[in-house]
Amino acid sequence: MASGVGHKYGVLRWSKTGKKTIEGTAAGITSVLAACSVLLPLLASTGYIVTEHWISILVAVTVSGLLEAYTTQLDNAFIPLVFYSLLCL
């Protein structure tokens, strides 16, 4: 989602030499939050998870999205670890 929106509609780049755009990052963060808004209540209703921690999810998604915008290497290994660590706080 982030890549498609950034490629098609992205105007504001995070850096002069980078390819990643602010619009793409915002689309990525928004799409993950939208998926969470559907999946979390569903998982909570089935008893798979006990509570829905929206603040920790919002922080984890936003920080991970911004971190992804600034990394060029190791993002597929590093960002999920950061995301999970933030969810555990």
PDB file of N, CA and C in Angstrom:
ATOM      1  N   MET A   1       0.828  -1.184   0.000  1.00  0.00           N
ATOM      2  CA  MET A   1       0.000   0.000   0.000  1.00  0.00           C
ATOM      3  C   MET A   1       0.879   1.257   0.000  1.00  0.00           C
ATOM      4  N   ALA A   2       1.853   1.282   0.906  1.00  0.00           N
ATOM      5  CA  ALA A   2       2.705   2.463   1.027  1.00  0.00           C
ATOM      6  C   ALA A   2       3.492   2.714  -0.256  1.00  0.00           C
ATOM      7  N   SER A   3       4.009   1.654  -0.808  1.00  0.00           N
ATOM      8  CA  SER A   3       4.805   1.793  -2.027  1.00  0.00           C
ATOM      9  C   SER A   3       3.960   2.289  -3.199  1.00  0.00           C
ATOM     10  N   GLY A   4       2.770   1.732  -3.357  1.00  0.00           N
ATOM     11  CA  GLY A   4       1.895   2.135  -4.459  1.00  0.00           C
ATOM     12  C   GLY A   4       1.451   3.577  -4.354  1.00  0.00           C
ATOM     13  N   VAL A   5       1.029   3.986  -3.169  1.00  0.00           N
ATOM     14  CA  VAL A   5       0.596   5.377  -2.971  1.00  0.00           C
ATOM     15  C   VAL A   5       1.775   6.324  -3.115  1.00  0.00           C
ATOM     16  N   GLY A   6       2.912   5.946  -2.527  1.00  0.00           N
ATOM     17  CA  GLY A   6       4.093   6.796  -2.636  1.00  0.00           C
ATOM     18  C   GLY A   6       4.573   6.963  -4.062  1.00  0.00           C
ATOM     19  N   HIS A   7       4.493   5.882  -4.825  1.00  0.00           N
ATOM     20  CA  HIS A   7       4.936   5.948  -6.218  1.00  0.00           C
ATOM     21  C   HIS A   7       3.991   6.781  -7.080  1.00  0.00           C
ATOM     22  N   LYS A   8       2.692   6.608  -6.862  1.00  0.00           N
ATOM     23  CA  LYS A   8       1.721   7.288  -7.715  1.00  0.00           C
ATOM     24  C   LYS A   8       1.440   8.727  -7.271  1.00  0.00           C
ATOM     25  N   TYR A   9       1.315   8.942  -5.964  1.00  0.00           N
ATOM     26  CA  TYR A   9       0.891  10.252  -5.467  1.00  0.00           C
ATOM     27  C   TYR A   9       1.970  10.990  -4.682  1.00  0.00           C
ATOM     28  N   GLY A  10       3.094  10.321  -4.427  1.00  0.00           N
ATOM     29  CA  GLY A  10       4.121  10.915  -3.578  1.00  0.00           C
ATOM     30  C   GLY A  10       4.795  12.126  -4.202  1.00  0.00           C
ATOM     31  N   VAL A  11       4.818  13.201  -3.455  1.00  0.00           N
ATOM     32  CA  VAL A  11       5.464  14.434  -3.899  1.00  0.00           C
ATOM     33  C   VAL A  11       6.567  14.831  -2.919  1.00  0.00           C
ATOM     34  N   LEU A  12       6.267  14.751  -1.643  1.00  0.00           N
ATOM     35  CA  LEU A  12       7.203  15.180  -0.602  1.00  0.00           C
ATOM     36  C   LEU A  12       8.099  14.022  -0.181  1.00  0.00           C
ATOM     37  N   ARG A  13       9.363  14.113  -0.504  1.00  0.00           N
ATOM     38  CA  ARG A  13      10.314  13.053  -0.161  1.00  0.00           C
ATOM     39  C   ARG A  13      10.894  13.294   1.230  1.00  0.00           C
ATOM     40  N   TRP A  14      11.227  12.185   1.913  1.00  0.00           N
ATOM     41  CA  TRP A  14      11.829  12.300   3.239  1.00  0.00           C
ATOM     42  C   TRP A  14      13.222  12.898   3.142  1.00  0.00           C
ATOM     43  N   SER A  15      13.949  12.594   2.067  1.00  0.00           N
ATOM     44  CA  SER A  15      15.273  13.181   1.858  1.00  0.00           C
ATOM     45  C   SER A  15      15.429  13.471   0.367  1.00  0.00           C
ATOM     46  N   LYS A  16      16.392  14.285   0.060  1.00  0.00           N
ATOM     47  CA  LYS A  16      16.583  14.670  -1.344  1.00  0.00           C
ATOM     48  C   LYS A  16      17.044  13.501  -2.204  1.00  0.00           C
ATOM     49  N   THR A  17      17.780  12.568  -1.613  1.00  0.00           N
ATOM     50  CA  THR A  17      18.308  11.454  -2.401  1.00  0.00           C
ATOM     51  C   THR A  17      17.472  10.186  -2.272  1.00  0.00           C
ATOM     52  N   GLY A  18      16.549  10.141  -1.304  1.00  0.00           N
ATOM     53  CA  GLY A  18      15.754   8.939  -1.067  1.00  0.00           C
ATOM     54  C   GLY A  18      14.560   8.827  -1.992  1.00  0.00           C
ATOM     55  N   LYS A  19      13.996   7.621  -2.045  1.00  0.00           N
ATOM     56  CA  LYS A  19      12.824   7.370  -2.878  1.00  0.00           C
ATOM     57  C   LYS A  19      11.538   7.403  -2.067  1.00  0.00           C
ATOM     58  N   LYS A  20      11.630   7.274  -0.760  1.00  0.00           N
ATOM     59  CA  LYS A  20      10.441   7.171   0.079  1.00  0.00           C
ATOM     60  C   LYS A  20       9.806   8.533   0.297  1.00  0.00           C
ATOM     61  N   THR A  21       8.472   8.539   0.263  1.00  0.00           N
ATOM     62  CA  THR A  21       7.746   9.801   0.378  1.00  0.00           C
ATOM     63  C   THR A  21       6.909   9.840   1.653  1.00  0.00           C
ATOM     64  N   ILE A  22       6.582  11.031   2.058  1.00  0.00           N
ATOM     65  CA  ILE A  22       5.736  11.232   3.231  1.00  0.00           C
ATOM     66  C   ILE A  22       4.342  10.676   2.967  1.00  0.00           C
ATOM     67  N   GLU A  23       3.853  10.847   1.763  1.00  0.00           N
ATOM     68  CA  GLU A  23       2.524  10.334   1.410  1.00  0.00           C
ATOM     69  C   GLU A  23       2.488   8.803   1.488  1.00  0.00           C
ATOM     70  N   GLY A  24       3.544   8.160   1.035  1.00  0.00           N
ATOM     71  CA  GLY A  24       3.614   6.709   1.103  1.00  0.00           C
ATOM     72  C   GLY A  24       3.666   6.208   2.537  1.00  0.00           C
ATOM     73  N   THR A  25       4.440   6.897   3.368  1.00  0.00           N
ATOM     74  CA  THR A  25       4.521   6.529   4.780  1.00  0.00           C
ATOM     75  C   THR A  25       3.170   6.699   5.460  1.00  0.00           C
ATOM     76  N   ALA A  26       2.502   7.802   5.193  1.00  0.00           N
ATOM     77  CA  ALA A  26       1.177   8.040   5.784  1.00  0.00           C
ATOM     78  C   ALA A  26       0.181   6.979   5.325  1.00  0.00           C
ATOM     79  N   ALA A  27       0.251   6.583   4.066  1.00  0.00           N
ATOM     80  CA  ALA A  27      -0.643   5.544   3.550  1.00  0.00           C
ATOM     81  C   ALA A  27      -0.347   4.201   4.206  1.00  0.00           C
ATOM     82  N   GLY A  28       0.919   3.902   4.419  1.00  0.00           N
ATOM     83  CA  GLY A  28       1.293   2.655   5.072  1.00  0.00           C
ATOM     84  C   GLY A  28       0.788   2.592   6.500  1.00  0.00           C
ATOM     85  N   ILE A  29       0.985   3.675   7.245  1.00  0.00           N
ATOM     86  CA  ILE A  29       0.524   3.739   8.631  1.00  0.00           C
ATOM     87  C   ILE A  29      -1.001   3.634   8.683  1.00  0.00           C
ATOM     88  N   THR A  30      -1.674   4.352   7.805  1.00  0.00           N
ATOM     89  CA  THR A  30      -3.136   4.332   7.775  1.00  0.00           C
ATOM     90  C   THR A  30      -3.672   2.951   7.424  1.00  0.00           C
ATOM     91  N   SER A  31      -3.049   2.272   6.471  1.00  0.00           N
ATOM     92  CA  SER A  31      -3.535   0.952   6.075  1.00  0.00           C
ATOM     93  C   SER A  31      -3.333  -0.081   7.182  1.00  0.00           C
ATOM     94  N   VAL A  32      -2.237   0.005   7.908  1.00  0.00           N
ATOM     95  CA  VAL A  32      -2.025  -0.932   9.018  1.00  0.00           C
ATOM     96  C   VAL A  32      -3.027  -0.667  10.139  1.00  0.00           C
ATOM     97  N   LEU A  33      -3.276   0.605  10.431  1.00  0.00           N
ATOM     98  CA  LEU A  33      -4.275   0.932  11.457  1.00  0.00           C
ATOM     99  C   LEU A  33      -5.672   0.491  11.032  1.00  0.00           C
ATOM    100  N   ALA A  34      -5.984   0.607   9.757  1.00  0.00           N
ATOM    101  CA  ALA A  34      -7.290   0.148   9.265  1.00  0.00           C
ATOM    102  C   ALA A  34      -7.420  -1.369   9.404  1.00  0.00           C
ATOM    103  N   ALA A  35      -6.352  -2.081   9.081  1.00  0.00           N
ATOM    104  CA  ALA A  35      -6.379  -3.542   9.236  1.00  0.00           C
ATOM    105  C   ALA A  35      -6.535  -3.923  10.705  1.00  0.00           C
ATOM    106  N   CYS A  36      -5.854  -3.207  11.582  1.00  0.00           N
ATOM    107  CA  CYS A  36      -5.975  -3.472  13.022  1.00  0.00           C
ATOM    108  C   CYS A  36      -7.385  -3.184  13.524  1.00  0.00           C
ATOM    109  N   SER A  37      -8.015  -2.163  12.974  1.00  0.00           N
ATOM    110  CA  SER A  37      -9.370  -1.817  13.428  1.00  0.00           C
ATOM    111  C   SER A  37     -10.382  -2.896  13.052  1.00  0.00           C
ATOM    112  N   VAL A  38     -10.071  -3.689  12.031  1.00  0.00           N
ATOM    113  CA  VAL A  38     -10.939  -4.796  11.642  1.00  0.00           C
ATOM    114  C   VAL A  38     -10.554  -6.070  12.395  1.00  0.00           C
ATOM    115  N   LEU A  39      -9.256  -6.346  12.463  1.00  0.00           N
ATOM    116  CA  LEU A  39      -8.799  -7.613  13.033  1.00  0.00           C
ATOM    117  C   LEU A  39      -8.883  -7.676  14.550  1.00  0.00           C
ATOM    118  N   LEU A  40      -8.562  -6.598  15.238  1.00  0.00           N
ATOM    119  CA  LEU A  40      -8.558  -6.649  16.705  1.00  0.00           C
ATOM    120  C   LEU A  40      -9.923  -6.949  17.305  1.00  0.00           C
ATOM    121  N   PRO A  41     -10.982  -6.261  16.911  1.00  0.00           N
ATOM    122  CA  PRO A  41     -12.291  -6.632  17.465  1.00  0.00           C
ATOM    123  C   PRO A  41     -12.692  -8.068  17.113  1.00  0.00           C
ATOM    124  N   LEU A  42     -12.322  -8.516  15.929  1.00  0.00           N
ATOM    125  CA  LEU A  42     -12.637  -9.887  15.525  1.00  0.00           C
ATOM    126  C   LEU A  42     -11.902 -10.890  16.414  1.00  0.00           C
ATOM    127  N   LEU A  43     -10.616 -10.648  16.640  1.00  0.00           N
ATOM    128  CA  LEU A  43      -9.839 -11.545  17.497  1.00  0.00           C
ATOM    129  C   LEU A  43     -10.313 -11.487  18.942  1.00  0.00           C
ATOM    130  N   ALA A  44     -10.706 -10.304  19.393  1.00  0.00           N
ATOM    131  CA  ALA A  44     -11.209 -10.166  20.763  1.00  0.00           C
ATOM    132  C   ALA A  44     -12.540 -10.889  20.933  1.00  0.00           C
ATOM    133  N   SER A  45     -13.383 -10.872  19.925  1.00  0.00           N
ATOM    134  CA  SER A  45     -14.689 -11.535  20.033  1.00  0.00           C
ATOM    135  C   SER A  45     -14.562 -13.058  20.047  1.00  0.00           C
ATOM    136  N   THR A  46     -13.504 -13.589  19.460  1.00  0.00           N
ATOM    137  CA  THR A  46     -13.306 -15.035  19.457  1.00  0.00           C
ATOM    138  C   THR A  46     -12.553 -15.511  20.685  1.00  0.00           C
ATOM    139  N   GLY A  47     -12.050 -14.587  21.488  1.00  0.00           N
ATOM    140  CA  GLY A  47     -11.302 -14.950  22.680  1.00  0.00           C
ATOM    141  C   GLY A  47      -9.833 -15.211  22.424  1.00  0.00           C
ATOM    142  N   TYR A  48      -9.380 -14.973  21.197  1.00  0.00           N
ATOM    143  CA  TYR A  48      -7.968 -15.195  20.880  1.00  0.00           C
ATOM    144  C   TYR A  48      -7.078 -14.212  21.621  1.00  0.00           C
ATOM    145  N   ILE A  49      -7.531 -12.968  21.735  1.00  0.00           N
ATOM    146  CA  ILE A  49      -6.847 -11.982  22.570  1.00  0.00           C
ATOM    147  C   ILE A  49      -7.838 -11.488  23.612  1.00  0.00           C
ATOM    148  N   VAL A  50      -7.309 -11.080  24.751  1.00  0.00           N
ATOM    149  CA  VAL A  50      -8.184 -10.708  25.857  1.00  0.00           C
ATOM    150  C   VAL A  50      -8.588  -9.242  25.787  1.00  0.00           C
ATOM    151  N   THR A  51      -7.642  -8.368  25.519  1.00  0.00           N
ATOM    152  CA  THR A  51      -7.942  -6.937  25.496  1.00  0.00           C
ATOM    153  C   THR A  51      -7.415  -6.308  24.224  1.00  0.00           C
ATOM    154  N   GLU A  52      -7.931  -5.153  23.937  1.00  0.00           N
ATOM    155  CA  GLU A  52      -7.476  -4.366  22.790  1.00  0.00           C
ATOM    156  C   GLU A  52      -6.751  -3.135  23.325  1.00  0.00           C
ATOM    157  N   HIS A  53      -5.460  -3.064  23.085  1.00  0.00           N
ATOM    158  CA  HIS A  53      -4.650  -1.937  23.552  1.00  0.00           C
ATOM    159  C   HIS A  53      -4.405  -0.986  22.385  1.00  0.00           C
ATOM    160  N   TRP A  54      -5.333  -0.076  22.165  1.00  0.00           N
ATOM    161  CA  TRP A  54      -5.250   0.809  21.003  1.00  0.00           C
ATOM    162  C   TRP A  54      -4.102   1.795  21.077  1.00  0.00           C
ATOM    163  N   ILE A  55      -3.772   2.269  22.277  1.00  0.00           N
ATOM    164  CA  ILE A  55      -2.673   3.241  22.397  1.00  0.00           C
ATOM    165  C   ILE A  55      -1.352   2.582  22.026  1.00  0.00           C
ATOM    166  N   SER A  56      -1.100   1.385  22.540  1.00  0.00           N
ATOM    167  CA  SER A  56       0.162   0.715  22.210  1.00  0.00           C
ATOM    168  C   SER A  56       0.219   0.358  20.725  1.00  0.00           C
ATOM    169  N   ILE A  57      -0.908   0.007  20.144  1.00  0.00           N
ATOM    170  CA  ILE A  57      -0.935  -0.294  18.711  1.00  0.00           C
ATOM    171  C   ILE A  57      -0.664   0.963  17.892  1.00  0.00           C
ATOM    172  N   LEU A  58      -1.282   2.067  18.275  1.00  0.00           N
ATOM    173  CA  LEU A  58      -1.063   3.332  17.574  1.00  0.00           C
ATOM    174  C   LEU A  58       0.398   3.748  17.641  1.00  0.00           C
ATOM    175  N   VAL A  59       0.995   3.642  18.800  1.00  0.00           N
ATOM    176  CA  VAL A  59       2.412   4.008  18.964  1.00  0.00           C
ATOM    177  C   VAL A  59       3.303   3.062  18.157  1.00  0.00           C
ATOM    178  N   ALA A  60       3.060   1.759  18.262  1.00  0.00           N
ATOM    179  CA  ALA A  60       3.894   0.784  17.558  1.00  0.00           C
ATOM    180  C   ALA A  60       3.811   0.955  16.045  1.00  0.00           C
ATOM    181  N   VAL A  61       2.612   1.154  15.530  1.00  0.00           N
ATOM    182  CA  VAL A  61       2.435   1.313  14.085  1.00  0.00           C
ATOM    183  C   VAL A  61       3.092   2.606  13.596  1.00  0.00           C
ATOM    184  N   THR A  62       2.890   3.688  14.330  1.00  0.00           N
ATOM    185  CA  THR A  62       3.454   4.977  13.911  1.00  0.00           C
ATOM    186  C   THR A  62       4.975   4.970  13.968  1.00  0.00           C
ATOM    187  N   VAL A  63       5.537   4.492  15.071  1.00  0.00           N
ATOM    188  CA  VAL A  63       7.003   4.455  15.189  1.00  0.00           C
ATOM    189  C   VAL A  63       7.602   3.525  14.144  1.00  0.00           C
ATOM    190  N   SER A  64       6.995   2.375  13.941  1.00  0.00           N
ATOM    191  CA  SER A  64       7.509   1.440  12.936  1.00  0.00           C
ATOM    192  C   SER A  64       7.407   2.016  11.525  1.00  0.00           C
ATOM    193  N   GLY A  65       6.327   2.716  11.234  1.00  0.00           N
ATOM    194  CA  GLY A  65       6.181   3.347   9.923  1.00  0.00           C
ATOM    195  C   GLY A  65       7.216   4.428   9.684  1.00  0.00           C
ATOM    196  N   LEU A  66       7.453   5.239  10.701  1.00  0.00           N
ATOM    197  CA  LEU A  66       8.469   6.287  10.565  1.00  0.00           C
ATOM    198  C   LEU A  66       9.872   5.698  10.491  1.00  0.00           C
ATOM    199  N   LEU A  67      10.112   4.640  11.259  1.00  0.00           N
ATOM    200  CA  LEU A  67      11.409   3.978  11.204  1.00  0.00           C
ATOM    201  C   LEU A  67      11.645   3.366   9.829  1.00  0.00           C
ATOM    202  N   GLU A  68      10.617   2.793   9.247  1.00  0.00           N
ATOM    203  CA  GLU A  68      10.736   2.216   7.911  1.00  0.00           C
ATOM    204  C   GLU A  68      11.065   3.289   6.876  1.00  0.00           C
ATOM    205  N   ALA A  69      10.576   4.487   7.093  1.00  0.00           N
ATOM    206  CA  ALA A  69      10.847   5.569   6.144  1.00  0.00           C
ATOM    207  C   ALA A  69      12.314   5.974   6.162  1.00  0.00           C
ATOM    208  N   TYR A  70      12.982   5.784   7.287  1.00  0.00           N
ATOM    209  CA  TYR A  70      14.366   6.215   7.412  1.00  0.00           C
ATOM    210  C   TYR A  70      15.388   5.117   7.181  1.00  0.00           C
ATOM    211  N   THR A  71      14.977   3.860   7.168  1.00  0.00           N
ATOM    212  CA  THR A  71      15.947   2.780   6.971  1.00  0.00           C
ATOM    213  C   THR A  71      16.038   2.416   5.500  1.00  0.00           C
ATOM    214  N   THR A  72      17.222   1.989   5.109  1.00  0.00           N
ATOM    215  CA  THR A  72      17.417   1.532   3.737  1.00  0.00           C
ATOM    216  C   THR A  72      17.765   0.052   3.699  1.00  0.00           C
ATOM    217  N   GLN A  73      18.394  -0.449   4.734  1.00  0.00           N
ATOM    218  CA  GLN A  73      18.778  -1.851   4.810  1.00  0.00           C
ATOM    219  C   GLN A  73      18.257  -2.450   6.110  1.00  0.00           C
ATOM    220  N   LEU A  74      18.100  -3.742   6.128  1.00  0.00           N
ATOM    221  CA  LEU A  74      17.692  -4.502   7.313  1.00  0.00           C
ATOM    222  C   LEU A  74      16.294  -4.172   7.816  1.00  0.00           C
ATOM    223  N   ASP A  75      15.497  -3.492   7.025  1.00  0.00           N
ATOM    224  CA  ASP A  75      14.171  -3.133   7.523  1.00  0.00           C
ATOM    225  C   ASP A  75      13.255  -4.340   7.647  1.00  0.00           C
ATOM    226  N   ASN A  76      13.437  -5.370   6.832  1.00  0.00           N
ATOM    227  CA  ASN A  76      12.573  -6.551   6.934  1.00  0.00           C
ATOM    228  C   ASN A  76      12.872  -7.381   8.177  1.00  0.00           C
ATOM    229  N   ALA A  77      14.077  -7.264   8.710  1.00  0.00           N
ATOM    230  CA  ALA A  77      14.429  -8.000   9.920  1.00  0.00           C
ATOM    231  C   ALA A  77      14.259  -7.141  11.167  1.00  0.00           C
ATOM    232  N   PHE A  78      14.590  -5.885  11.067  1.00  0.00           N
ATOM    233  CA  PHE A  78      14.662  -5.008  12.232  1.00  0.00           C
ATOM    234  C   PHE A  78      13.307  -4.425  12.626  1.00  0.00           C
ATOM    235  N   ILE A  79      12.534  -3.974  11.677  1.00  0.00           N
ATOM    236  CA  ILE A  79      11.266  -3.289  11.977  1.00  0.00           C
ATOM    237  C   ILE A  79      10.240  -4.206  12.653  1.00  0.00           C
ATOM    238  N   PRO A  80      10.070  -5.461  12.249  1.00  0.00           N
ATOM    239  CA  PRO A  80       9.146  -6.325  12.997  1.00  0.00           C
ATOM    240  C   PRO A  80       9.570  -6.531  14.456  1.00  0.00           C
ATOM    241  N   LEU A  81      10.872  -6.571  14.703  1.00  0.00           N
ATOM    242  CA  LEU A  81      11.345  -6.696  16.087  1.00  0.00           C
ATOM    243  C   LEU A  81      11.007  -5.454  16.897  1.00  0.00           C
ATOM    244  N   VAL A  82      11.186  -4.296  16.299  1.00  0.00           N
ATOM    245  CA  VAL A  82      10.830  -3.046  16.973  1.00  0.00           C
ATOM    246  C   VAL A  82       9.329  -2.986  17.201  1.00  0.00           C
ATOM    247  N   PHE A  83       8.554  -3.365  16.206  1.00  0.00           N
ATOM    248  CA  PHE A  83       7.094  -3.358  16.315  1.00  0.00           C
ATOM    249  C   PHE A  83       6.629  -4.253  17.464  1.00  0.00           C
ATOM    250  N   TYR A  84       7.150  -5.469  17.516  1.00  0.00           N
ATOM    251  CA  TYR A  84       6.749  -6.394  18.573  1.00  0.00           C
ATOM    252  C   TYR A  84       7.200  -5.896  19.942  1.00  0.00           C
ATOM    253  N   SER A  85       8.388  -5.333  20.009  1.00  0.00           N
ATOM    254  CA  SER A  85       8.882  -4.786  21.281  1.00  0.00           C
ATOM    255  C   SER A  85       7.989  -3.653  21.781  1.00  0.00           C
ATOM    256  N   LEU A  86       7.555  -2.816  20.884  1.00  0.00           N
ATOM    257  CA  LEU A  86       6.673  -1.716  21.275  1.00  0.00           C
ATOM    258  C   LEU A  86       5.295  -2.225  21.717  1.00  0.00           C
ATOM    259  N   LEU A  87       4.824  -3.280  21.101  1.00  0.00           N
ATOM    260  CA  LEU A  87       3.534  -3.852  21.514  1.00  0.00           C
ATOM    261  C   LEU A  87       3.616  -4.479  22.895  1.00  0.00           C
ATOM    262  N   CYS A  88       4.784  -4.956  23.259  1.00  0.00           N
ATOM    263  CA  CYS A  88       4.952  -5.612  24.562  1.00  0.00           C
ATOM    264  C   CYS A  88       5.106  -4.616  25.709  1.00  0.00           C
ATOM    265  N   LEU A  89       5.293  -3.352  25.410  1.00  0.00           N
ATOM    266  CA  LEU A  89       5.460  -2.359  26.488  1.00  0.00           C
ATOM    267  C   LEU A  89       4.180  -2.121  27.241  1.00  0.00           C
TER     268      LEU A  89
END
